[in-house]
C-alpha atoms as a PDB file:
ATOM      1  CA  UNK A   1      -6.808 -14.820  13.332  1.00  0.00           C
ATOM      2  CA  UNK A   2      -9.319 -13.349  10.890  1.00  0.00           C
ATOM      3  CA  UNK A   3      -9.977 -10.275  13.047  1.00  0.00           C
ATOM      4  CA  UNK A   4      -6.267  -9.486  13.239  1.00  0.00           C
ATOM      5  CA  UNK A   5      -5.976  -9.728   9.459  1.00  0.00           C
ATOM      6  CA  UNK A   6      -8.993  -7.446   9.021  1.00  0.00           C
ATOM      7  CA  UNK A   7      -7.450  -4.848  11.354  1.00  0.00           C
ATOM      8  CA  UNK A   8      -4.093  -4.887   9.605  1.00  0.00           C
ATOM      9  CA  UNK A   9      -5.282  -4.570   6.001  1.00  0.00           C
ATOM     10  CA  UNK A  10      -6.665  -1.650   4.039  1.00  0.00           C
ATOM     11  CA  UNK A  11      -8.039  -1.137   0.558  1.00  0.00           C
ATOM     12  CA  UNK A  12      -7.725   2.233  -1.159  1.00  0.00           C
ATOM     13  CA  UNK A  13      -7.764   3.667  -4.641  1.00  0.00           C
ATOM     14  CA  UNK A  14      -4.768   5.669  -5.785  1.00  0.00           C
ATOM     15  CA  UNK A  15      -3.566   7.440  -8.908  1.00  0.00           C
ATOM     16  CA  UNK A  16      -0.022   6.216  -9.479  1.00  0.00           C
ATOM     17  CA  UNK A  17       2.601   8.902  -9.076  1.00  0.00           C
ATOM     18  CA  UNK A  18       0.468  11.186  -6.910  1.00  0.00           C
ATOM     19  CA  UNK A  19       1.303  11.974  -3.285  1.00  0.00           C
ATOM     20  CA  UNK A  20       0.945   8.968  -0.995  1.00  0.00           C
ATOM     21  CA  UNK A  21      -0.293  10.901   2.048  1.00  0.00           C
ATOM     22  CA  UNK A  22      -3.901   9.706   1.616  1.00  0.00           C
ATOM     23  CA  UNK A  23      -2.747   6.100   1.344  1.00  0.00           C
ATOM     24  CA  UNK A  24      -0.637   6.468   4.474  1.00  0.00           C
ATOM     25  CA  UNK A  25      -3.713   7.804   6.295  1.00  0.00           C
ATOM     26  CA  UNK A  26      -5.801   4.817   5.151  1.00  0.00           C
ATOM     27  CA  UNK A  27      -3.112   2.398   6.310  1.00  0.00           C
ATOM     28  CA  UNK A  28      -2.798   4.156   9.668  1.00  0.00           C
ATOM     29  CA  UNK A  29      -6.570   4.000  10.166  1.00  0.00           C
ATOM     30  CA  UNK A  30      -6.472   0.239   9.544  1.00  0.00           C
ATOM     31  CA  UNK A  31      -3.956  -0.361  12.325  1.00  0.00           C
ATOM     32  CA  UNK A  32      -5.041  -1.972  15.557  1.00  0.00           C
ATOM     33  CA  UNK A  33      -6.948  -0.031  18.194  1.00  0.00           C
ATOM     34  CA  UNK A  34      -4.361  -0.842  20.817  1.00  0.00           C
ATOM     35  CA  UNK A  35      -2.989   2.480  22.162  1.00  0.00           C
ATOM     36  CA  UNK A  36       0.626   1.274  22.185  1.00  0.00           C
ATOM     37  CA  UNK A  37       0.375   0.058  18.590  1.00  0.00           C
ATOM     38  CA  UNK A  38      -1.426   3.213  17.472  1.00  0.00           C
ATOM     39  CA  UNK A  39       1.190   5.609  18.838  1.00  0.00           C
ATOM     40  CA  UNK A  40       3.924   3.509  17.277  1.00  0.00           C
ATOM     41  CA  UNK A  41       2.190   3.322  13.890  1.00  0.00           C
ATOM     42  CA  UNK A  42       0.977   6.909  13.542  1.00  0.00           C
ATOM     43  CA  UNK A  43       4.350   7.874  12.122  1.00  0.00           C
ATOM     44  CA  UNK A  44       4.673   4.760   9.962  1.00  0.00           C
ATOM     45  CA  UNK A  45       4.819   5.619   6.301  1.00  0.00           C
ATOM     46  CA  UNK A  46       5.585   2.223   4.863  1.00  0.00           C
ATOM     47  CA  UNK A  47       3.728  -1.032   4.412  1.00  0.00           C
ATOM     48  CA  UNK A  48       5.065  -4.557   4.487  1.00  0.00           C
ATOM     49  CA  UNK A  49       3.062  -5.704   1.476  1.00  0.00           C
ATOM     50  CA  UNK A  50       1.473  -3.709  -1.338  1.00  0.00           C
ATOM     51  CA  UNK A  51      -0.855  -5.459  -3.784  1.00  0.00           C
ATOM     52  CA  UNK A  52      -1.876  -3.943  -7.105  1.00  0.00           C
ATOM     53  CA  UNK A  53      -4.111  -5.613  -9.642  1.00  0.00           C
ATOM     54  CA  UNK A  54      -4.585  -5.073 -13.359  1.00  0.00           C
ATOM     55  CA  UNK A  55      -2.681  -1.794 -13.469  1.00  0.00           C
ATOM     56  CA  UNK A  56       0.312  -2.428 -15.733  1.00  0.00           C
ATOM     57  CA  UNK A  57      -1.526  -2.477 -19.063  1.00  0.00           C
ATOM     58  CA  UNK A  58      -0.386   1.057 -19.987  1.00  0.00           C
ATOM     59  CA  UNK A  59       3.415   1.434 -20.141  1.00  0.00           C
ATOM     60  CA  UNK A  60       3.018   5.213 -19.912  1.00  0.00           C
ATOM     61  CA  UNK A  61       2.280   4.842 -16.191  1.00  0.00           C
ATOM     62  CA  UNK A  62       4.913   2.264 -15.221  1.00  0.00           C
ATOM     63  CA  UNK A  63       7.336   4.879 -13.835  1.00  0.00           C
ATOM     64  CA  UNK A  64       4.553   6.489 -11.757  1.00  0.00           C
ATOM     65  CA  UNK A  65       3.485   3.055 -10.492  1.00  0.00           C
ATOM     66  CA  UNK A  66       7.020   2.291  -9.348  1.00  0.00           C
ATOM     67  CA  UNK A  67       7.345   5.754  -7.783  1.00  0.00           C
ATOM     68  CA  UNK A  68       4.258   5.217  -5.630  1.00  0.00           C
ATOM     69  CA  UNK A  69       5.136   1.625  -4.766  1.00  0.00           C
ATOM     70  CA  UNK A  70       8.698   2.538  -3.804  1.00  0.00           C
ATOM     71  CA  UNK A  71       7.453   5.315  -1.544  1.00  0.00           C
ATOM     72  CA  UNK A  72       4.974   3.005   0.208  1.00  0.00           C
ATOM     73  CA  UNK A  73       6.776  -0.269   0.853  1.00  0.00           C
ATOM     74  CA  UNK A  74       9.348  -0.900   3.566  1.00  0.00           C
ATOM     75  CA  UNK A  75      12.710  -0.133   1.925  1.00  0.00           C
ATOM     76  CA  UNK A  76      14.518  -3.381   2.811  1.00  0.00           C
ATOM     77  CA  UNK A  77      11.778  -5.900   3.540  1.00  0.00           C
ATOM     78  CA  UNK A  78       8.605  -4.717   1.786  1.00  0.00           C
ATOM     79  CA  UNK A  79       7.140  -6.617  -1.120  1.00  0.00           C
ATOM     80  CA  UNK A  80       5.085  -5.411  -4.073  1.00  0.00           C
ATOM     81  CA  UNK A  81       2.744  -7.939  -5.664  1.00  0.00           C
ATOM     82  CA  UNK A  82       1.279  -7.072  -9.057  1.00  0.00           C
ATOM     83  CA  UNK A  83      -1.449  -9.192 -10.601  1.00  0.00           C
ATOM     84  CA  UNK A  84      -2.248  -8.864 -14.284  1.00  0.00           C
ATOM     85  CA  UNK A  85      -3.633 -10.612 -17.289  1.00  0.00           C
ATOM     86  CA  UNK A  86      -2.877 -10.004 -20.917  1.00  0.00           C
ATOM     87  CA  UNK A  87      -5.590  -8.066 -22.747  1.00  0.00           C
ATOM     88  CA  UNK A  88      -6.240  -8.403 -26.434  1.00  0.00           C
END
């Protein structure tokens, strides 16, 4: 259902390596409006799927990228999808 997908996704900018609290707040705000789901998800600090695009061009930030991604995705089942294209 398109509405369900819209309610369970969020888009947010982030500087890799910085605290993830703002991202967690954005994800929590995107959760469903159902009271049972909201109370369950308010303490959730992980996402099932994290998508990053065109952000691995500078090797200096790879460790920070992995730090943020590791803090955000579900430890055992989360996935991290990175899209990129070669530049130059």
